[in-house]
Amino acid sequence: MCANVATSGYVNPLAHIQNLRPERIDMGVDYSGHGTIIAIGAGQITSIHNAGWPNGTFIEERLSSGPYAGKDWYYAEDITPTVQPGQNRDRRRSARTDVPRP
């Protein structure tokens, strides 16, 4: 992550992913690996499902602090949520569960 993000109260949500590898780039960046995705910053989970994504998983977190407060951050595709809409997350708390091994 760029230095200004790290110093703005946000953390790398993929910091605990083992064997992290970038895959394709389209509307975002797809990664493969295994481990726990953590919340990028304080916020509230607003959604965990969207039928338009593989396996329907689409975790949306609305950030509540920092320079991106009020903006949405997404985690999607082939992950297993352990959160529910309405739950608050702070940075470094799990926003999901395991990313499957490739």
Protein backbone atom coordinates (compact mmCIF):
# COMPACT_ATOMS: atom_id res chain seq x y z
CA MET A 1 0.00 0.00 0.00
CA CYS A 2 1.17 3.51 -0.52
CA ALA A 3 2.66 5.32 2.44
CA ASN A 4 -0.10 7.93 2.64
CA VAL A 5 -2.74 5.21 3.14
CA ALA A 6 -0.76 3.58 5.96
CA THR A 7 -0.30 6.92 7.71
CA SER A 8 -3.98 7.86 7.29
CA GLY A 9 -5.21 5.27 9.80
CA TYR A 10 -5.79 2.51 7.27
CA VAL A 11 -4.10 -0.88 7.17
CA ASN A 12 -3.33 -3.41 4.46
CA PRO A 13 -6.37 -5.73 4.42
CA LEU A 14 -4.30 -8.50 2.83
CA ALA A 15 -1.46 -8.41 5.37
CA HIS A 16 -2.40 -11.85 6.77
CA ILE A 17 -2.79 -13.64 3.44
CA GLN A 18 -0.24 -16.39 2.83
CA ASN A 19 1.12 -17.02 -0.67
CA LEU A 20 -0.50 -13.79 -1.88
CA ARG A 21 -0.27 -13.43 -5.65
CA PRO A 22 -1.88 -10.85 -7.91
CA GLU A 23 -3.99 -12.37 -10.64
CA ARG A 24 -5.94 -10.50 -13.29
CA ILE A 25 -6.81 -6.81 -13.26
CA ASP A 26 -10.25 -5.65 -14.40
CA MET A 27 -12.47 -3.36 -12.29
CA GLY A 28 -10.17 -4.20 -9.38
CA VAL A 29 -7.29 -6.55 -8.74
CA ASP A 30 -7.87 -10.24 -8.20
CA TYR A 31 -5.52 -11.99 -5.76
CA SER A 32 -5.03 -15.59 -4.81
CA GLY A 33 -3.78 -16.87 -1.47
CA HIS A 34 -5.04 -18.22 1.83
CA GLY A 35 -5.79 -16.49 5.11
CA THR A 36 -7.83 -13.78 6.75
CA ILE A 37 -8.83 -10.49 5.16
CA ILE A 38 -8.96 -7.71 7.75
CA ALA A 39 -10.88 -4.45 7.63
CA ILE A 40 -8.92 -1.67 5.96
CA GLY A 41 -10.23 0.78 8.56
CA ALA A 42 -13.10 1.52 10.91
CA GLY A 43 -16.46 1.09 9.26
CA GLN A 44 -19.72 -0.77 9.02
CA ILE A 45 -20.50 -3.84 6.92
CA THR A 46 -23.41 -2.88 4.66
CA SER A 47 -23.67 -6.00 2.48
CA ILE A 48 -22.24 -9.50 2.17
CA HIS A 49 -24.04 -10.73 -0.95
CA ASN A 50 -24.46 -9.69 -4.55
CA ALA A 51 -25.68 -12.22 -7.10
CA GLY A 52 -23.53 -10.62 -9.81
CA TRP A 53 -20.29 -11.92 -8.28
CA PRO A 54 -18.83 -15.47 -8.34
CA ASN A 55 -20.41 -17.44 -5.48
CA GLY A 56 -22.44 -14.31 -4.66
CA THR A 57 -19.88 -13.04 -2.15
CA PHE A 58 -19.48 -9.28 -2.11
CA ILE A 59 -18.59 -7.72 1.24
CA GLU A 60 -19.14 -3.97 1.33
CA GLU A 61 -17.68 -1.90 4.16
CA ARG A 62 -18.58 1.80 4.51
CA LEU A 63 -15.58 3.52 6.08
CA SER A 64 -16.37 5.72 9.09
CA SER A 65 -13.06 7.48 9.71
CA GLY A 66 -10.01 8.82 7.95
CA PRO A 67 -9.81 10.67 4.65
CA TYR A 68 -12.12 8.15 2.95
CA ALA A 69 -14.89 8.27 5.58
CA GLY A 70 -18.25 7.71 3.91
CA LYS A 71 -16.69 5.82 0.99
CA ASP A 72 -17.27 2.12 0.36
CA TRP A 73 -14.56 -0.55 0.22
CA TYR A 74 -15.27 -3.92 -1.37
CA TYR A 75 -14.05 -7.48 -0.95
CA ALA A 76 -15.47 -9.95 -3.45
CA GLU A 77 -15.30 -13.35 -5.11
CA ASP A 78 -14.61 -16.72 -3.57
CA ILE A 79 -14.33 -15.67 0.07
CA THR A 80 -16.40 -16.83 3.03
CA PRO A 81 -17.85 -13.99 5.11
CA THR A 82 -17.83 -14.21 8.91
CA VAL A 83 -19.50 -10.81 9.24
CA GLN A 84 -23.11 -9.67 8.85
CA PRO A 85 -24.58 -6.42 7.54
CA GLY A 86 -24.78 -3.83 10.31
CA GLN A 87 -21.68 -5.04 12.14
CA ASN A 88 -19.03 -2.46 12.88
CA ARG A 89 -15.41 -3.26 12.15
CA ASP A 90 -12.30 -1.47 13.21
CA ARG A 91 -9.04 -1.72 11.38
CA ARG A 92 -7.29 -5.01 11.91
CA ARG A 93 -10.53 -6.84 12.75
CA SER A 94 -11.58 -9.57 10.40
CA ALA A 95 -13.90 -8.47 7.62
CA ARG A 96 -14.26 -12.04 6.32
CA THR A 97 -12.79 -15.47 6.83
CA ASP A 98 -10.57 -17.64 4.68
CA VAL A 99 -9.55 -16.89 1.15
CA PRO A 100 -9.32 -20.33 -0.44
CA ARG A 101 -6.07 -21.77 -1.65
CA PRO A 102 -5.76 -21.72 -5.46
